[in-house]
Amino acid sequence: MANQVALAIIKAQLYKEEKEARLKLSALENISEAGLTTLSIDGMLNEIAQRIASNMNVDWSGIILFEDKHGMMIAERTSNGCSSMKGKSMSNGCGVIYDILVKGKTRVLKKNSLNDVKQHIESEIKSIAIVPINLRQDRACTVAIGKKTAGSFTDKEIQLLELLSSRAAFALENAILFNRLEQSYLDTIESLVKAIEAKDKYTRGHSEQVATLAQEIALVMGLDKDRAERIYTAGLLHDVGKIGISSGVLCKPSTLSPEEYDEIKLHPIKGYEILRPIRSFNDLAEIVLQHHERFDGSGYPRGMHGHDIFFEARVLAVADAYQAMISSRPYRKGLPIEQAILEIRKGAGGQFDPEIAKIFIGMLKQEQKSSRSSKPKNIPSDSTVRS
């Protein structure tokens, strides 16, 4: 009987260890998936922090990504759990975290020992474990978990936290590298846009003006800052496909023939093909593809209709059309603002989303009231104008 009891205890212990190993493996896979579901660094920090808290069954988790600037560790990005620390230097009132980064060892602390940092952590948290990790490119990060109880963390909890943190660091390094490649690609594309506009002095600055106006429309309509920024980027890139249009057609000083206009109409497709290879640009590629679609379905290249068209593309269509209308071209003079407003109003429900057109016209009217003496913005075109 004693042998049977001993055997049962051993089996129970083995089962417990196997279960813990499976949970640990599952947690590691969970963290790895965070790197696959989002390549945005901010989004990844939030998702990994949430997954660590969930997998470890703790009350709080926070991740801070640091950048070494002139010998000072600056909190470059943070997860939502400690977002108020963003931009702070660790050498200024955050000595404990700086010490942890320098020594490179995990430390368990009472929240009260974190001095100025404690105000950036949830008020009910009592004990915290912080893991420091060195990254490449003069960067480091800390992964922290917290409990509402004043008790300490077990060795197994610390081991699991360190294991999850190392996996998180791997995902973050990949995201940082990807973002740099993405930014490099974006810079190259913006250079192409400027090269296109440099060919024709009449369209110089068009994309930037369209982008600025589209972002203003988005913000007035209540979109969050990140989405408005995305619309701005799409505005900068909306005509990148014109790099594939012949100069003779692109810079023709007179009205286009039907065949030449058909060639111009290919630029949304060409822009889509340029942007599509970057996964995180997929939505930008779609916006660029759709920015000449019309609300009534008569646009190009797909003949999309109404709300099937991306909202961002519908915003861009209004901004693009208005800026082109008020800008002079070799074959016509720019329209006065009042006439351009009239054209936008006439196009509402046909060329343009009526709600966006209404809000945009209200914006212009308000701007006219507030700055009668200032020079009006050159801000887009109907189907016959090359925008």
Protein backbone atom coordinates (compact mmCIF):
# COMPACT_ATOMS: atom_id res chain seq x y z
CA MET A 1 0.00 0.00 0.00
CA ALA A 2 2.87 2.37 0.86
CA ASN A 3 4.42 1.65 -2.55
CA GLN A 4 1.10 2.37 -4.26
CA VAL A 5 0.72 5.64 -2.37
CA ALA A 6 4.30 6.63 -3.27
CA LEU A 7 3.66 5.73 -6.92
CA ALA A 8 0.46 7.78 -6.91
CA ILE A 9 2.31 10.78 -5.47
CA ILE A 10 5.03 10.46 -8.11
CA LYS A 11 2.43 10.23 -10.88
CA ALA A 12 0.61 13.25 -9.50
CA GLN A 13 3.87 15.20 -9.38
CA LEU A 14 4.75 14.18 -12.95
CA TYR A 15 1.26 15.15 -14.10
CA LYS A 16 1.61 18.54 -12.40
CA GLU A 17 5.01 19.12 -14.01
CA GLU A 18 3.72 18.03 -17.40
CA LYS A 19 0.72 20.35 -17.04
CA GLU A 20 3.00 23.25 -16.07
CA ALA A 21 5.24 22.51 -19.06
CA ARG A 22 2.24 22.47 -21.38
CA LEU A 23 0.98 25.75 -19.95
CA LYS A 24 4.43 27.28 -20.34
CA LEU A 25 4.65 26.11 -23.96
CA SER A 26 1.16 27.44 -24.63
CA ALA A 27 2.11 30.80 -23.14
CA LEU A 28 5.22 30.98 -25.33
CA GLU A 29 3.17 30.23 -28.42
CA ASN A 30 0.66 32.85 -27.30
CA ILE A 31 3.37 35.52 -27.10
CA SER A 32 4.83 34.48 -30.47
CA GLU A 33 1.40 34.86 -32.08
CA ALA A 34 1.30 38.48 -30.88
CA GLY A 35 4.20 39.21 -33.19
CA LEU A 36 2.31 37.69 -36.10
CA THR A 37 -1.02 39.40 -35.56
CA THR A 38 0.37 42.94 -35.42
CA LEU A 39 3.54 44.51 -36.75
CA SER A 40 2.82 47.90 -35.22
CA ILE A 41 5.24 48.35 -32.33
CA ASP A 42 2.69 50.15 -30.15
CA GLY A 43 0.07 47.53 -30.91
CA MET A 44 2.53 44.74 -30.18
CA LEU A 45 3.54 46.21 -26.80
CA ASN A 46 -0.11 46.36 -25.73
CA GLU A 47 -0.94 42.89 -26.99
CA ILE A 48 2.10 41.22 -25.43
CA ALA A 49 1.50 42.97 -22.09
CA GLN A 50 -2.10 41.75 -22.09
CA ARG A 51 -1.07 38.20 -22.97
CA ILE A 52 1.62 38.08 -20.29
CA ALA A 53 -0.85 39.27 -17.65
CA SER A 54 -3.40 36.70 -18.83
CA ASN A 55 -0.98 33.76 -19.05
CA MET A 56 0.60 34.49 -15.68
CA ASN A 57 -2.70 35.32 -13.99
CA VAL A 58 -1.39 38.59 -12.55
CA ASP A 59 -3.19 41.89 -12.04
CA TRP A 60 -1.03 44.15 -14.21
CA SER A 61 1.64 44.04 -16.87
CA GLY A 62 3.58 46.83 -18.51
CA ILE A 63 6.29 46.99 -21.17
CA ILE A 64 8.59 49.94 -21.82
CA LEU A 65 10.80 50.20 -24.91
CA PHE A 66 13.86 52.38 -24.26
CA GLU A 67 16.19 54.11 -26.69
CA ASP A 68 19.69 55.21 -25.74
CA LYS A 69 19.91 58.87 -26.69
CA HIS A 70 23.25 60.52 -25.93
CA GLY A 71 23.89 58.15 -23.04
CA MET A 72 20.42 58.56 -21.52
CA MET A 73 17.78 55.83 -21.60
CA ILE A 74 14.56 57.43 -22.80
CA ALA A 75 11.19 55.66 -22.64
CA GLU A 76 10.46 55.71 -26.37
CA ARG A 77 7.26 53.62 -26.38
CA THR A 78 5.15 51.94 -23.72
CA SER A 79 2.20 49.63 -23.40
CA ASN A 80 -1.07 51.02 -22.03
CA GLY A 81 -0.17 49.87 -18.52
CA CYS A 82 2.41 52.62 -18.13
CA SER A 83 1.76 55.02 -21.01
CA SER A 84 2.37 58.15 -18.91
CA MET A 85 6.07 57.24 -18.74
CA LYS A 86 6.51 57.79 -22.48
CA GLY A 87 9.26 60.30 -23.20
CA LYS A 88 10.73 60.23 -19.69
CA SER A 89 14.44 59.79 -19.01
CA MET A 90 15.41 56.99 -16.64
CA SER A 91 18.18 59.12 -15.18
CA ASN A 92 15.62 61.65 -13.95
CA GLY A 93 13.63 60.27 -11.04
CA CYS A 94 13.59 56.70 -12.38
CA GLY A 95 16.88 55.50 -10.89
CA VAL A 96 15.61 52.06 -9.89
CA ILE A 97 14.63 51.16 -13.44
CA TYR A 98 17.89 52.59 -14.77
CA ASP A 99 19.80 50.46 -12.25
CA ILE A 100 17.87 47.36 -13.35
CA LEU A 101 18.70 48.09 -16.99
CA VAL A 102 22.41 48.61 -16.25
CA LYS A 103 22.81 45.50 -14.07
CA GLY A 104 20.66 43.40 -16.38
CA LYS A 105 19.05 41.35 -13.61
CA THR A 106 15.42 40.70 -12.77
CA ARG A 107 14.29 42.41 -9.62
CA VAL A 108 11.23 42.07 -7.41
CA LEU A 109 10.18 45.29 -5.70
CA LYS A 110 7.50 46.82 -3.60
CA LYS A 111 5.74 49.52 -5.55
CA ASN A 112 6.65 52.15 -2.96
CA SER A 113 10.35 51.60 -3.70
CA LEU A 114 9.92 52.83 -7.27
CA ASN A 115 9.84 56.49 -6.22
CA ASP A 116 8.58 58.70 -9.05
CA VAL A 117 7.64 55.72 -11.22
CA LYS A 118 4.88 54.50 -8.90
CA GLN A 119 2.56 57.28 -10.04
CA HIS A 120 2.61 55.74 -13.52
CA ILE A 121 1.42 52.32 -12.32
CA GLU A 122 -2.10 51.30 -11.32
CA SER A 123 -2.81 52.48 -7.78
CA GLU A 124 -3.85 49.07 -6.38
CA ILE A 125 -0.63 47.28 -7.39
CA LYS A 126 1.54 46.42 -4.38
CA SER A 127 4.42 44.22 -5.67
CA ILE A 128 6.22 44.29 -9.01
CA ALA A 129 8.70 42.08 -10.85
CA ILE A 130 10.78 43.74 -13.59
CA VAL A 131 12.80 41.92 -16.24
CA PRO A 132 15.38 43.96 -18.22
CA ILE A 133 16.26 42.94 -21.78
CA ASN A 134 18.93 44.35 -24.06
CA LEU A 135 17.89 44.74 -27.69
CA ARG A 136 19.92 45.61 -30.74
CA GLN A 137 20.16 49.10 -32.24
CA ASP A 138 20.85 50.89 -28.90
CA ARG A 139 17.54 49.79 -27.46
CA ALA A 140 16.40 47.95 -24.36
CA CYS A 141 13.09 47.10 -22.76
CA THR A 142 11.63 46.18 -19.42
CA VAL A 143 8.80 43.72 -18.99
CA ALA A 144 7.00 44.08 -15.66
CA ILE A 145 4.15 42.31 -13.90
CA GLY A 146 2.33 43.39 -10.80
CA LYS A 147 0.08 41.98 -8.07
CA LYS A 148 -2.42 43.69 -5.86
CA THR A 149 -1.17 41.62 -2.93
CA ALA A 150 1.98 42.55 -1.05
CA GLY A 151 3.41 39.01 -1.26
CA SER A 152 6.42 38.14 -3.39
CA PHE A 153 6.66 36.14 -6.61
CA THR A 154 7.64 32.46 -6.69
CA ASP A 155 10.77 31.25 -8.49
CA LYS A 156 8.61 29.55 -11.11
CA GLU A 157 6.72 32.78 -11.77
CA ILE A 158 10.00 34.65 -12.26
CA GLN A 159 11.33 31.90 -14.55
CA LEU A 160 8.18 32.01 -16.65
CA LEU A 161 8.26 35.83 -16.78
CA GLU A 162 11.88 35.76 -17.98
CA LEU A 163 11.03 33.11 -20.56
CA LEU A 164 8.05 35.08 -21.86
CA SER A 165 10.10 38.29 -21.84
CA SER A 166 12.82 36.75 -24.00
CA ARG A 167 10.19 35.63 -26.49
CA ALA A 168 8.62 39.09 -26.39
CA ALA A 169 12.04 40.66 -27.05
CA PHE A 170 12.48 38.48 -30.12
CA ALA A 171 9.09 39.62 -31.46
CA LEU A 172 9.90 43.27 -30.69
CA GLU A 173 13.26 43.16 -32.44
CA ASN A 174 11.59 41.75 -35.52
CA ALA A 175 8.94 44.48 -35.36
CA ILE A 176 11.57 47.22 -34.99
CA LEU A 177 13.53 45.83 -37.94
CA PHE A 178 10.35 45.53 -40.01
CA ASN A 179 9.29 49.08 -39.17
CA ARG A 180 12.68 50.38 -40.26
CA LEU A 181 12.44 48.49 -43.55
CA GLU A 182 8.87 49.73 -43.93
CA GLN A 183 9.92 53.33 -43.28
CA SER A 184 12.77 52.97 -45.75
CA TYR A 185 10.32 51.67 -48.34
CA LEU A 186 7.89 54.49 -47.56
CA ASP A 187 10.67 57.08 -47.89
CA THR A 188 11.57 55.61 -51.27
CA ILE A 189 7.96 55.80 -52.44
CA GLU A 190 7.63 59.40 -51.22
CA SER A 191 10.77 60.20 -53.20
CA LEU A 192 9.08 58.70 -56.26
CA VAL A 193 6.03 60.90 -55.64
CA LYS A 194 8.24 63.99 -55.46
CA ALA A 195 10.02 62.88 -58.64
CA ILE A 196 6.65 62.62 -60.40
CA GLU A 197 5.57 66.06 -59.21
CA ALA A 198 8.95 67.56 -60.14
CA LYS A 199 8.20 66.77 -63.79
CA ASP A 200 5.26 69.15 -63.73
CA LYS A 201 5.41 72.41 -61.78
CA TYR A 202 1.61 72.61 -61.85
CA THR A 203 1.20 69.49 -59.68
CA ARG A 204 4.11 70.17 -57.33
CA GLY A 205 2.98 69.80 -53.73
CA HIS A 206 -0.39 68.33 -54.78
CA SER A 207 -0.03 65.08 -52.82
CA GLU A 208 1.05 66.80 -49.60
CA GLN A 209 -1.82 69.29 -49.82
CA VAL A 210 -4.32 66.52 -50.47
CA ALA A 211 -2.91 64.53 -47.54
CA THR A 212 -3.18 67.50 -45.16
CA LEU A 213 -6.74 68.27 -46.16
CA ALA A 214 -7.84 64.63 -45.99
CA GLN A 215 -6.42 64.38 -42.48
CA GLU A 216 -8.31 67.53 -41.43
CA ILE A 217 -11.57 66.08 -42.77
CA ALA A 218 -10.95 62.83 -40.88
CA LEU A 219 -10.32 64.63 -37.59
CA VAL A 220 -13.41 66.84 -37.98
CA MET A 221 -15.44 63.67 -38.59
CA GLY A 222 -14.23 62.27 -35.26
CA LEU A 223 -11.67 59.70 -36.39
CA ASP A 224 -8.92 58.91 -33.91
CA LYS A 225 -5.45 60.34 -34.42
CA ASP A 226 -3.90 57.08 -35.67
CA ARG A 227 -6.54 56.54 -38.35
CA ALA A 228 -6.30 60.18 -39.43
CA GLU A 229 -2.52 59.73 -39.74
CA ARG A 230 -3.14 56.69 -41.94
CA ILE A 231 -5.35 58.79 -44.21
CA TYR A 232 -2.59 61.41 -44.35
CA THR A 233 -0.09 58.75 -45.46
CA ALA A 234 -2.53 57.46 -48.07
CA GLY A 235 -2.89 61.04 -49.32
CA LEU A 236 0.87 61.37 -49.73
CA LEU A 237 0.95 58.17 -51.76
CA HIS A 238 -2.32 58.35 -53.70
CA ASP A 239 -0.66 59.31 -57.00
CA VAL A 240 2.44 57.11 -56.72
CA GLY A 241 1.12 54.97 -59.58
CA LYS A 242 1.72 57.87 -61.96
CA ILE A 243 5.37 56.81 -62.00
CA GLY A 244 4.16 54.16 -64.44
CA ILE A 245 2.42 56.68 -66.73
CA SER A 246 4.33 58.05 -69.71
CA SER A 247 5.65 61.59 -69.34
CA GLY A 248 4.03 62.63 -72.61
CA VAL A 249 0.60 61.88 -71.18
CA LEU A 250 1.35 62.97 -67.61
CA CYS A 251 2.69 66.38 -68.60
CA LYS A 252 0.60 67.05 -71.69
CA PRO A 253 -0.24 70.80 -71.73
CA SER A 254 -3.61 70.29 -73.38
CA THR A 255 -6.74 68.21 -72.83
CA LEU A 256 -6.20 64.45 -72.96
CA SER A 257 -7.57 62.27 -75.73
CA PRO A 258 -9.84 59.35 -74.68
CA GLU A 259 -6.92 56.92 -75.14
CA GLU A 260 -4.60 59.09 -73.04
CA TYR A 261 -7.24 59.45 -70.35
CA ASP A 262 -7.57 55.65 -70.28
CA GLU A 263 -3.83 55.47 -69.59
CA ILE A 264 -4.12 58.02 -66.76
CA LYS A 265 -6.93 55.91 -65.26
CA LEU A 266 -4.43 53.08 -64.74
CA HIS A 267 -2.52 54.98 -62.03
CA PRO A 268 -4.62 53.72 -59.08
CA ILE A 269 -3.89 50.12 -60.15
CA LYS A 270 -0.19 50.84 -60.57
CA GLY A 271 -0.10 52.52 -57.16
CA TYR A 272 -1.82 49.51 -55.62
CA GLU A 273 0.78 47.19 -57.13
CA ILE A 274 3.64 49.32 -55.77
CA LEU A 275 2.25 49.36 -52.20
CA ARG A 276 0.81 45.85 -51.96
CA PRO A 277 4.12 43.95 -51.33
CA ILE A 278 4.36 45.45 -47.80
CA ARG A 279 1.88 43.62 -45.58
CA SER A 280 1.20 46.53 -43.27
CA PHE A 281 0.51 48.70 -46.34
CA ASN A 282 -2.38 46.50 -47.49
CA ASP A 283 -5.01 48.98 -46.33
CA LEU A 284 -3.04 51.90 -47.84
CA ALA A 285 -2.83 50.00 -51.12
CA GLU A 286 -6.62 49.56 -51.12
CA ILE A 287 -7.22 53.24 -50.35
CA VAL A 288 -4.92 54.24 -53.20
CA LEU A 289 -6.68 51.78 -55.51
CA GLN A 290 -10.12 53.17 -54.63
CA HIS A 291 -9.52 56.92 -54.49
CA HIS A 292 -11.10 57.49 -57.94
CA GLU A 293 -14.16 55.34 -57.24
CA ARG A 294 -17.44 57.30 -57.17
CA PHE A 295 -20.23 57.03 -54.65
CA ASP A 296 -22.75 56.32 -57.45
CA GLY A 297 -20.63 53.47 -58.86
CA SER A 298 -19.43 55.27 -62.00
CA GLY A 299 -15.79 55.58 -60.93
CA TYR A 300 -12.73 53.49 -61.71
CA PRO A 301 -11.01 51.03 -61.71
CA ARG A 302 -13.60 48.67 -60.16
CA GLY A 303 -16.81 50.67 -60.39
CA MET A 304 -17.40 50.29 -56.65
CA HIS A 305 -20.51 51.80 -55.10
CA GLY A 306 -21.43 53.71 -51.93
CA HIS A 307 -20.17 52.35 -48.63
CA ASP A 308 -18.44 49.43 -50.35
CA ILE A 309 -15.69 51.99 -51.00
CA PHE A 310 -13.29 52.37 -48.08
CA PHE A 311 -14.23 55.36 -45.92
CA GLU A 312 -10.64 56.62 -46.19
CA ALA A 313 -10.84 56.49 -49.99
CA ARG A 314 -14.11 58.44 -49.92
CA VAL A 315 -12.45 61.14 -47.81
CA LEU A 316 -9.45 61.19 -50.14
CA ALA A 317 -11.72 61.53 -53.19
CA VAL A 318 -13.18 64.78 -51.86
CA ALA A 319 -9.80 66.22 -50.85
CA ASP A 320 -8.19 65.22 -54.17
CA ALA A 321 -11.00 66.64 -56.28
CA TYR A 322 -11.11 69.97 -54.45
CA GLN A 323 -7.36 70.54 -54.58
CA ALA A 324 -7.21 69.76 -58.28
CA MET A 325 -10.15 72.06 -59.03
CA ILE A 326 -8.67 75.13 -57.36
CA SER A 327 -5.19 74.54 -58.82
CA SER A 328 -4.19 75.96 -62.19
CA ARG A 329 -3.10 73.65 -64.98
CA PRO A 330 -1.53 74.45 -68.40
CA TYR A 331 -4.88 73.73 -70.05
CA ARG A 332 -7.13 75.64 -67.60
CA LYS A 333 -7.12 78.13 -64.73
CA GLY A 334 -7.93 77.08 -61.18
CA LEU A 335 -11.51 77.58 -60.04
CA PRO A 336 -12.41 80.17 -57.39
CA ILE A 337 -13.12 78.58 -54.03
CA GLU A 338 -16.84 79.39 -54.18
CA GLN A 339 -17.18 77.67 -57.54
CA ALA A 340 -15.20 74.65 -56.31
CA ILE A 341 -17.53 74.43 -53.31
CA LEU A 342 -20.48 74.51 -55.70
CA GLU A 343 -18.94 71.64 -57.70
CA ILE A 344 -18.45 69.59 -54.52
CA ARG A 345 -22.07 70.25 -53.57
CA LYS A 346 -23.27 69.22 -57.04
CA GLY A 347 -21.19 66.03 -56.83
CA ALA A 348 -22.57 64.97 -53.42
CA GLY A 349 -24.29 61.61 -53.77
CA GLY A 350 -22.82 61.15 -57.26
CA GLN A 351 -19.06 61.53 -57.28
CA PHE A 352 -18.78 62.04 -53.52
CA ASP A 353 -20.09 60.56 -50.30
CA PRO A 354 -22.83 63.10 -49.42
CA GLU A 355 -22.02 63.15 -45.71
CA ILE A 356 -18.31 63.75 -46.29
CA ALA A 357 -19.09 66.42 -48.90
CA LYS A 358 -21.44 68.19 -46.48
CA ILE A 359 -18.89 68.21 -43.64
CA PHE A 360 -16.12 69.32 -45.99
CA ILE A 361 -18.16 72.25 -47.31
CA GLY A 362 -18.90 73.24 -43.71
CA MET A 363 -15.16 73.16 -42.99
CA LEU A 364 -14.43 75.45 -45.93
CA LYS A 365 -17.19 77.89 -44.97
CA GLN A 366 -15.89 78.02 -41.41
CA GLU A 367 -12.35 78.56 -42.64
CA GLN A 368 -13.50 81.41 -44.88
CA LYS A 369 -15.21 83.09 -41.93
CA SER A 370 -12.23 82.78 -39.63
CA SER A 371 -9.55 83.86 -42.10
CA ARG A 372 -10.97 86.14 -44.77
CA SER A 373 -7.67 87.90 -45.27
CA SER A 374 -5.43 84.81 -45.39
CA LYS A 375 -4.47 83.08 -48.60
CA PRO A 376 -6.77 80.09 -49.21
CA LYS A 377 -5.29 76.62 -49.10
CA ASN A 378 -4.54 74.91 -52.37
CA ILE A 379 -6.26 71.85 -51.59
CA PRO A 380 -8.38 68.51 -55.48
CA SER A 381 -10.90 67.12 -59.24
CA ASP A 382 -13.83 66.02 -61.14
CA SER A 383 -13.52 63.07 -63.50
CA THR A 384 -12.16 65.20 -66.35
CA VAL A 385 -9.39 66.86 -64.36
CA ARG A 386 -6.05 65.09 -63.95
CA SER A 387 -5.70 64.73 -60.17
